[in-house]
C-alpha cells in the first residue's frame, strides 16, 4: 500500500519504507530506509495555522497525556508500523501530516 499523503517529520527518526508494491510511500521510487523529509518549527506552525497540515504525535499515549503540542493528534509510531493503512485513515483528509516525537 502506498501512502498518498506527503509525510513530513519535525524531529523524529521516522524513515521511509517500501510499500506493498516495492516503492517508497512518499515518492513512488525505491529508497527504503531513507529519512523522511524534515520541516522546521516555524514552517510547521505556519502550515498548521493555514489549515494545510495537522500535527501528529507518534509517541506513547502516556507521553501524549503528559505533554503535547496544541491540537496534535495521537498516532503512536507502533500503531503506524503495525497497520499503516489503518493509520492513514485516522489522519484528516486533505491535510499534510507532520509527525513529531519530542
N, C-alpha and C. Protein backbone atom coordinates (compact mmCIF):
# COMPACT_ATOMS: atom_id res chain seq x y z
N UNK A 1 0.84 -1.18 0.00
CA UNK A 1 0.00 0.00 0.00
C UNK A 1 0.87 1.23 0.00
N UNK A 2 0.66 2.13 -0.89
CA UNK A 2 1.43 3.36 -0.95
C UNK A 2 0.61 4.49 -0.35
N UNK A 3 1.23 5.30 0.50
CA UNK A 3 0.54 6.43 1.08
C UNK A 3 0.45 7.54 0.06
N UNK A 4 -0.66 8.24 0.07
CA UNK A 4 -0.82 9.35 -0.85
C UNK A 4 -0.46 10.67 -0.19
N UNK A 5 -0.39 10.69 1.12
CA UNK A 5 -0.04 11.93 1.83
C UNK A 5 1.46 12.13 1.81
N UNK A 6 1.88 13.38 1.88
CA UNK A 6 3.30 13.69 1.99
C UNK A 6 3.66 13.60 3.46
N UNK A 7 4.57 12.73 3.79
CA UNK A 7 4.95 12.51 5.17
C UNK A 7 6.11 13.43 5.51
N UNK A 8 5.95 14.24 6.53
CA UNK A 8 6.99 15.17 6.96
C UNK A 8 7.18 15.00 8.45
N UNK A 9 8.42 15.11 8.89
CA UNK A 9 8.68 14.99 10.32
C UNK A 9 9.30 16.26 10.86
N UNK A 10 9.11 16.47 12.12
CA UNK A 10 9.70 17.60 12.82
C UNK A 10 10.47 17.05 14.02
N UNK A 11 11.54 16.36 13.76
CA UNK A 11 12.40 15.90 14.84
C UNK A 11 12.30 14.44 15.20
N UNK A 12 11.74 13.61 14.38
CA UNK A 12 11.61 12.18 14.68
C UNK A 12 12.55 11.36 13.80
N UNK A 13 12.76 10.15 14.21
CA UNK A 13 13.61 9.25 13.44
C UNK A 13 12.76 8.36 12.55
N UNK A 14 11.72 8.92 11.98
CA UNK A 14 10.85 8.17 11.06
C UNK A 14 11.59 8.00 9.74
N UNK A 15 11.52 6.80 9.19
CA UNK A 15 12.17 6.55 7.91
C UNK A 15 11.14 6.10 6.89
N UNK A 16 11.39 6.46 5.64
CA UNK A 16 10.53 5.98 4.56
C UNK A 16 10.80 4.50 4.34
N UNK A 17 9.77 3.75 4.10
CA UNK A 17 9.92 2.32 3.85
C UNK A 17 9.18 1.97 2.58
N UNK A 18 9.53 0.83 2.04
CA UNK A 18 8.86 0.37 0.82
C UNK A 18 7.43 0.00 1.14
N UNK A 19 6.53 0.37 0.23
CA UNK A 19 5.14 -0.02 0.33
C UNK A 19 4.96 -1.44 -0.19
N UNK A 20 3.73 -1.88 -0.23
CA UNK A 20 3.44 -3.24 -0.67
C UNK A 20 3.90 -3.49 -2.10
N UNK A 21 3.91 -2.44 -2.92
CA UNK A 21 4.31 -2.63 -4.31
C UNK A 21 5.80 -2.42 -4.52
N UNK A 22 6.55 -2.25 -3.41
CA UNK A 22 8.01 -2.12 -3.50
C UNK A 22 8.50 -0.71 -3.74
N UNK A 23 7.61 0.28 -3.64
CA UNK A 23 8.03 1.66 -3.86
C UNK A 23 7.93 2.44 -2.57
N UNK A 24 8.62 3.59 -2.53
CA UNK A 24 8.53 4.46 -1.37
C UNK A 24 7.11 4.94 -1.20
N UNK A 25 6.69 5.03 0.06
CA UNK A 25 5.36 5.52 0.35
C UNK A 25 5.17 6.94 -0.15
N UNK A 26 6.21 7.76 -0.07
CA UNK A 26 6.05 9.16 -0.44
C UNK A 26 6.34 9.42 -1.91
N UNK A 27 7.43 8.90 -2.42
CA UNK A 27 7.89 9.31 -3.74
C UNK A 27 7.54 8.35 -4.85
N UNK A 28 7.22 7.10 -4.50
CA UNK A 28 6.95 6.11 -5.52
C UNK A 28 8.22 5.46 -6.04
N UNK A 29 9.39 5.93 -5.61
CA UNK A 29 10.66 5.36 -6.03
C UNK A 29 11.12 4.30 -5.05
N UNK A 30 12.28 3.71 -5.32
CA UNK A 30 12.81 2.75 -4.37
C UNK A 30 13.86 3.45 -3.53
N UNK A 31 13.78 3.32 -2.24
CA UNK A 31 14.70 4.03 -1.35
C UNK A 31 14.34 3.80 0.09
N UNK A 32 13.89 2.60 0.40
CA UNK A 32 13.52 2.29 1.77
C UNK A 32 14.69 2.57 2.69
N UNK A 33 14.38 3.06 3.86
CA UNK A 33 15.42 3.34 4.84
C UNK A 33 15.88 4.79 4.82
N UNK A 34 15.44 5.58 3.83
CA UNK A 34 15.80 6.99 3.81
C UNK A 34 14.99 7.71 4.88
N UNK A 35 15.57 8.78 5.44
CA UNK A 35 14.83 9.57 6.41
C UNK A 35 13.73 10.34 5.71
N UNK A 36 12.62 10.50 6.40
CA UNK A 36 11.53 11.32 5.87
C UNK A 36 11.98 12.78 5.84
N UNK A 37 11.43 13.57 4.94
CA UNK A 37 11.79 15.00 4.88
C UNK A 37 11.49 15.68 6.21
N UNK A 38 12.29 16.64 6.57
CA UNK A 38 12.12 17.37 7.83
C UNK A 38 11.58 18.75 7.55
N UNK A 39 10.94 19.33 8.56
CA UNK A 39 10.38 20.67 8.46
C UNK A 39 10.73 21.41 9.74
N UNK A 40 11.05 22.70 9.64
CA UNK A 40 11.38 23.43 10.87
C UNK A 40 10.10 23.86 11.57
N UNK A 41 10.25 24.25 12.82
CA UNK A 41 9.10 24.57 13.67
C UNK A 41 8.26 25.70 13.08
N UNK A 42 8.91 26.73 12.57
CA UNK A 42 8.17 27.87 12.02
C UNK A 42 7.33 27.47 10.81
N UNK A 43 7.91 26.67 9.92
CA UNK A 43 7.18 26.22 8.74
C UNK A 43 6.03 25.29 9.13
N UNK A 44 6.26 24.44 10.11
CA UNK A 44 5.21 23.53 10.58
C UNK A 44 4.05 24.34 11.18
N UNK A 45 4.39 25.31 12.00
CA UNK A 45 3.35 26.13 12.62
C UNK A 45 2.55 26.89 11.56
N UNK A 46 3.24 27.44 10.58
CA UNK A 46 2.56 28.18 9.51
C UNK A 46 1.61 27.27 8.74
N UNK A 47 2.04 26.05 8.44
CA UNK A 47 1.19 25.11 7.69
C UNK A 47 -0.03 24.71 8.51
N UNK A 48 0.15 24.48 9.80
CA UNK A 48 -0.98 24.12 10.67
C UNK A 48 -1.95 25.29 10.78
N UNK A 49 -1.43 26.49 11.04
CA UNK A 49 -2.28 27.67 11.19
C UNK A 49 -3.04 27.99 9.90
N UNK A 50 -2.44 27.68 8.76
CA UNK A 50 -3.10 27.92 7.47
C UNK A 50 -4.10 26.83 7.12
N UNK A 51 -4.16 25.78 7.95
CA UNK A 51 -5.11 24.69 7.70
C UNK A 51 -4.64 23.67 6.69
N UNK A 52 -3.36 23.75 6.29
CA UNK A 52 -2.82 22.81 5.28
C UNK A 52 -2.26 21.54 5.91
N UNK A 53 -2.00 21.56 7.22
CA UNK A 53 -1.31 20.44 7.86
C UNK A 53 -1.92 20.15 9.23
N UNK A 54 -1.61 18.97 9.74
CA UNK A 54 -2.01 18.57 11.08
C UNK A 54 -0.79 17.97 11.77
N UNK A 55 -0.60 18.31 13.05
CA UNK A 55 0.49 17.72 13.83
C UNK A 55 0.06 16.35 14.31
N UNK A 56 0.96 15.39 14.19
CA UNK A 56 0.68 14.01 14.61
C UNK A 56 1.77 13.59 15.58
N UNK A 57 1.39 13.35 16.82
CA UNK A 57 2.31 12.92 17.87
C UNK A 57 2.45 11.41 17.78
N UNK A 58 3.67 10.92 17.55
CA UNK A 58 3.88 9.48 17.38
C UNK A 58 4.46 8.81 18.63
N UNK A 59 4.42 9.52 19.74
CA UNK A 59 4.92 8.96 21.00
C UNK A 59 3.87 8.06 21.64
N UNK A 60 4.18 7.57 22.81
CA UNK A 60 3.25 6.70 23.55
C UNK A 60 2.07 7.51 24.07
N UNK A 61 0.95 6.83 24.34
CA UNK A 61 -0.19 7.53 24.92
C UNK A 61 0.15 8.22 26.25
N UNK A 62 1.02 7.61 27.04
CA UNK A 62 1.41 8.20 28.32
C UNK A 62 2.14 9.53 28.11
N UNK A 63 3.07 9.54 27.17
CA UNK A 63 3.80 10.77 26.87
C UNK A 63 2.86 11.84 26.32
N UNK A 64 1.93 11.43 25.47
CA UNK A 64 0.96 12.35 24.88
C UNK A 64 0.11 13.00 25.97
N UNK A 65 -0.36 12.18 26.92
CA UNK A 65 -1.18 12.71 28.01
C UNK A 65 -0.39 13.67 28.88
N UNK A 66 0.88 13.42 29.05
CA UNK A 66 1.74 14.25 29.89
C UNK A 66 1.95 15.64 29.31
N UNK A 67 2.26 15.69 28.01
CA UNK A 67 2.53 16.96 27.34
C UNK A 67 2.48 16.75 25.84
N UNK A 68 1.88 17.73 25.13
CA UNK A 68 1.78 17.62 23.67
C UNK A 68 1.61 19.00 23.07
N UNK A 69 1.82 19.07 21.78
CA UNK A 69 1.59 20.31 21.04
C UNK A 69 0.08 20.55 20.95
N UNK A 70 -0.32 21.79 21.03
CA UNK A 70 -1.74 22.14 20.95
C UNK A 70 -2.34 21.65 19.63
N UNK A 71 -3.45 20.95 19.73
CA UNK A 71 -4.16 20.48 18.54
C UNK A 71 -3.60 19.22 17.91
N UNK A 72 -2.55 18.65 18.47
CA UNK A 72 -1.94 17.45 17.88
C UNK A 72 -2.83 16.23 18.05
N UNK A 73 -2.76 15.34 17.08
CA UNK A 73 -3.43 14.05 17.14
C UNK A 73 -2.45 13.01 17.65
N UNK A 74 -2.94 12.03 18.38
CA UNK A 74 -2.09 10.93 18.84
C UNK A 74 -2.20 9.77 17.86
N UNK A 75 -1.06 9.35 17.35
CA UNK A 75 -0.99 8.17 16.48
C UNK A 75 0.39 7.54 16.71
N UNK A 76 0.49 6.68 17.75
CA UNK A 76 1.79 6.11 18.11
C UNK A 76 2.48 5.41 16.93
N UNK A 77 3.79 5.61 16.84
CA UNK A 77 4.58 5.01 15.77
C UNK A 77 4.37 3.50 15.72
N UNK A 78 4.23 2.88 16.86
CA UNK A 78 3.99 1.44 16.92
C UNK A 78 2.72 1.05 16.14
N UNK A 79 1.67 1.87 16.26
CA UNK A 79 0.43 1.61 15.53
C UNK A 79 0.60 1.82 14.02
N UNK A 80 1.38 2.84 13.66
CA UNK A 80 1.64 3.10 12.24
C UNK A 80 2.37 1.91 11.63
N UNK A 81 3.38 1.42 12.34
CA UNK A 81 4.17 0.30 11.82
C UNK A 81 3.36 -0.99 11.76
N UNK A 82 2.48 -1.18 12.71
CA UNK A 82 1.67 -2.40 12.77
C UNK A 82 0.60 -2.43 11.68
N UNK A 83 -0.06 -1.30 11.45
CA UNK A 83 -1.17 -1.25 10.49
C UNK A 83 -1.16 0.09 9.77
N UNK A 84 -0.25 0.27 8.79
CA UNK A 84 -0.14 1.56 8.12
C UNK A 84 -1.41 2.02 7.42
N UNK A 85 -2.16 1.11 6.83
CA UNK A 85 -3.39 1.51 6.14
C UNK A 85 -4.41 2.05 7.13
N UNK A 86 -4.55 1.40 8.26
CA UNK A 86 -5.48 1.87 9.29
C UNK A 86 -5.03 3.22 9.84
N UNK A 87 -3.72 3.40 10.00
CA UNK A 87 -3.19 4.66 10.49
C UNK A 87 -3.50 5.78 9.51
N UNK A 88 -3.36 5.51 8.24
CA UNK A 88 -3.64 6.51 7.21
C UNK A 88 -5.07 7.02 7.30
N UNK A 89 -6.00 6.13 7.55
CA UNK A 89 -7.41 6.52 7.62
C UNK A 89 -7.75 7.31 8.88
N UNK A 90 -6.86 7.33 9.86
CA UNK A 90 -7.07 8.12 11.07
C UNK A 90 -6.64 9.57 10.88
N UNK A 91 -5.96 9.85 9.77
CA UNK A 91 -5.49 11.21 9.51
C UNK A 91 -6.56 12.00 8.76
N UNK A 92 -6.67 13.30 9.04
CA UNK A 92 -7.66 14.11 8.32
C UNK A 92 -7.34 14.18 6.82
N UNK A 93 -8.34 13.96 6.01
CA UNK A 93 -8.17 14.01 4.56
C UNK A 93 -7.80 15.43 4.12
N UNK A 94 -6.90 15.50 3.16
CA UNK A 94 -6.55 16.78 2.57
C UNK A 94 -5.56 17.61 3.36
N UNK A 95 -5.04 17.06 4.46
CA UNK A 95 -4.05 17.79 5.27
C UNK A 95 -2.75 17.01 5.32
N UNK A 96 -1.66 17.74 5.20
CA UNK A 96 -0.34 17.11 5.28
C UNK A 96 -0.06 16.73 6.73
N UNK A 97 0.24 15.47 7.01
CA UNK A 97 0.60 15.11 8.39
C UNK A 97 2.05 15.52 8.68
N UNK A 98 2.25 16.16 9.81
CA UNK A 98 3.59 16.49 10.28
C UNK A 98 3.80 15.74 11.57
N UNK A 99 4.65 14.73 11.52
CA UNK A 99 4.88 13.84 12.66
C UNK A 99 5.95 14.42 13.58
N UNK A 100 5.70 14.29 14.88
CA UNK A 100 6.73 14.70 15.85
C UNK A 100 6.74 13.74 17.01
N UNK A 101 7.89 13.70 17.68
CA UNK A 101 8.02 12.78 18.82
C UNK A 101 8.77 13.40 19.99
N UNK A 102 9.08 14.66 19.94
CA UNK A 102 9.78 15.27 21.06
C UNK A 102 9.06 16.49 21.55
